[in-house]
Amino acid sequence: MLVFPIVFFSLRLNVDDLLFPPTHGKPKPRLPIAFDNTRFLFLTTCLMGFVFVGENFVPSIWDAFQFTGATATVSLGFIFPAAVALKDTHGVATKNDTRLSCLMIILALSSSIMAIYSDIYGFFFSLPTTN
């Protein structure tokens, strides 16, 4: 309950930048979303509607946790740090660091794909439980 507003705030800002790109250098710059009530209300309503519909079609919170773990956790824990090492704007990383980063991304993507496949398979073809 306390995490949702923080996550939703960043979601709304990112979707706003995606749908309404900033107008740097143009004659009339775009207002930030905090000062544009129409855009703020539109994005908030659409995103909340999308979240509401999604939450009503997910039968169990465990399913949402499985997909979140298979995607966001792998990205935050393995893919993003390796991508930062690959970017290396200061030239600190060695060739071995670059190889390890590539290997880490490949392994993270393959395990994430397998986890997502397993989640989808379990979601549609799960065995009935006996009580």
Protein backbone atom coordinates (compact mmCIF):
# COMPACT_ATOMS: atom_id res chain seq x y z
CA MET A 1 0.00 0.00 0.00
CA LEU A 2 2.86 2.39 0.73
CA VAL A 3 5.05 1.34 -2.20
CA PHE A 4 2.41 1.79 -4.93
CA PRO A 5 2.39 5.64 -4.92
CA ILE A 6 6.18 5.74 -5.26
CA VAL A 7 6.21 3.24 -8.12
CA PHE A 8 3.20 4.89 -9.76
CA PHE A 9 4.88 8.33 -9.58
CA SER A 10 7.88 7.15 -11.59
CA LEU A 11 5.64 5.19 -13.97
CA ARG A 12 3.56 8.30 -14.69
CA LEU A 13 6.66 10.45 -15.29
CA ASN A 14 8.20 7.91 -17.66
CA VAL A 15 4.99 7.34 -19.62
CA ASP A 16 4.56 11.12 -19.85
CA ASP A 17 8.05 11.50 -21.33
CA LEU A 18 7.36 8.61 -23.71
CA LEU A 19 4.00 9.90 -24.98
CA PHE A 20 4.75 13.63 -24.79
CA PRO A 21 8.49 14.08 -25.43
CA PRO A 22 10.18 17.18 -24.02
CA THR A 23 10.48 20.11 -26.42
CA HIS A 24 14.00 21.33 -25.74
CA GLY A 25 15.06 24.23 -27.94
CA LYS A 26 11.62 24.81 -29.44
CA PRO A 27 9.85 28.16 -29.14
CA LYS A 28 7.23 27.00 -26.63
CA PRO A 29 8.63 24.45 -24.16
CA ARG A 30 6.29 21.84 -22.72
CA LEU A 31 5.10 22.32 -19.15
CA PRO A 32 6.13 19.69 -16.60
CA ILE A 33 3.33 17.25 -15.84
CA ALA A 34 2.98 18.68 -12.31
CA PHE A 35 1.78 21.98 -13.82
CA ASP A 36 -0.40 20.59 -16.61
CA ASN A 37 -3.58 19.39 -14.89
CA THR A 38 -5.20 18.03 -18.05
CA ARG A 39 -2.26 15.82 -18.97
CA PHE A 40 -1.79 14.77 -15.34
CA LEU A 41 -5.45 13.73 -14.99
CA PHE A 42 -5.45 11.97 -18.37
CA LEU A 43 -2.33 9.90 -17.63
CA THR A 44 -3.35 9.11 -14.07
CA THR A 45 -6.82 7.97 -15.16
CA CYS A 46 -5.50 5.81 -18.02
CA LEU A 47 -2.78 4.19 -15.91
CA MET A 48 -5.08 3.56 -12.95
CA GLY A 49 -7.65 2.03 -15.31
CA PHE A 50 -4.97 -0.21 -16.81
CA VAL A 51 -3.80 -1.27 -13.34
CA PHE A 52 -7.39 -1.91 -12.21
CA VAL A 53 -8.21 -4.07 -15.25
CA GLY A 54 -4.93 -5.95 -14.87
CA GLU A 55 -5.50 -6.62 -11.21
CA ASN A 56 -8.99 -7.99 -11.86
CA PHE A 57 -7.74 -10.49 -14.44
CA VAL A 58 -4.86 -11.84 -12.33
CA PRO A 59 -6.31 -14.68 -10.24
CA SER A 60 -3.55 -14.73 -7.64
CA ILE A 61 -0.96 -12.26 -6.41
CA TRP A 62 1.57 -15.08 -6.65
CA ASP A 63 1.30 -14.95 -10.46
CA ALA A 64 2.18 -11.26 -10.45
CA PHE A 65 5.13 -11.92 -8.12
CA GLN A 66 6.41 -14.66 -10.43
CA PHE A 67 6.42 -12.41 -13.50
CA THR A 68 7.92 -9.52 -11.54
CA GLY A 69 10.69 -11.75 -10.25
CA ALA A 70 11.36 -13.17 -13.70
CA THR A 71 11.69 -9.73 -15.28
CA ALA A 72 12.39 -6.84 -12.93
CA THR A 73 14.60 -8.69 -10.47
CA VAL A 74 16.82 -10.12 -13.19
CA SER A 75 17.06 -6.71 -14.85
CA LEU A 76 17.93 -4.84 -11.66
CA GLY A 77 20.28 -7.47 -10.29
CA PHE A 78 22.16 -8.63 -13.36
CA ILE A 79 21.39 -6.89 -16.66
CA PHE A 80 21.59 -3.21 -15.62
CA PRO A 81 24.90 -3.53 -13.68
CA ALA A 82 26.47 -5.43 -16.57
CA ALA A 83 25.20 -2.81 -19.02
CA VAL A 84 26.78 -0.07 -16.90
CA ALA A 85 30.09 -1.95 -17.02
CA LEU A 86 29.75 -2.29 -20.80
CA LYS A 87 29.05 1.43 -21.24
CA ASP A 88 32.25 2.39 -19.35
CA THR A 89 32.65 6.01 -20.45
CA HIS A 90 35.85 6.46 -18.41
CA GLY A 91 37.73 3.46 -19.83
CA VAL A 92 38.15 1.68 -16.49
CA ALA A 93 36.85 -1.76 -17.54
CA THR A 94 39.28 -4.30 -18.93
CA LYS A 95 38.57 -6.78 -21.73
CA ASN A 96 37.93 -9.42 -19.09
CA ASP A 97 35.31 -7.15 -17.45
CA THR A 98 33.65 -6.68 -20.83
CA ARG A 99 33.58 -10.44 -21.44
CA LEU A 100 32.15 -11.11 -17.98
CA SER A 101 29.49 -8.42 -18.50
CA CYS A 102 28.45 -9.95 -21.81
CA LEU A 103 28.34 -13.41 -20.24
CA MET A 104 26.31 -12.07 -17.32
CA ILE A 105 23.76 -10.48 -19.67
CA ILE A 106 23.47 -13.66 -21.75
CA LEU A 107 22.99 -15.85 -18.66
CA ALA A 108 20.51 -13.40 -17.12
CA LEU A 109 18.46 -13.20 -20.32
CA SER A 110 18.41 -16.97 -20.77
CA SER A 111 17.36 -17.60 -17.16
CA SER A 112 14.72 -14.86 -17.40
CA ILE A 113 13.31 -16.34 -20.61
CA MET A 114 13.15 -19.79 -19.00
CA ALA A 115 11.45 -18.36 -15.90
CA ILE A 116 8.88 -16.48 -17.98
CA TYR A 117 8.21 -19.61 -20.06
CA SER A 118 7.78 -21.63 -16.88
CA ASP A 119 5.43 -19.01 -15.42
CA ILE A 120 3.29 -18.90 -18.57
CA TYR A 121 3.21 -22.70 -18.79
CA GLY A 122 2.20 -22.97 -15.13
CA PHE A 123 -0.41 -20.24 -15.56
CA PHE A 124 -2.22 -22.00 -18.41
CA PHE A 125 -1.44 -25.67 -17.82
CA SER A 126 -1.27 -26.02 -14.05
CA LEU A 127 -2.45 -29.23 -12.52
CA PRO A 128 -5.59 -29.08 -10.40
CA THR A 129 -4.92 -29.13 -6.67
CA THR A 130 -6.47 -31.71 -4.39
CA ASN A 131 -7.61 -30.78 -0.91
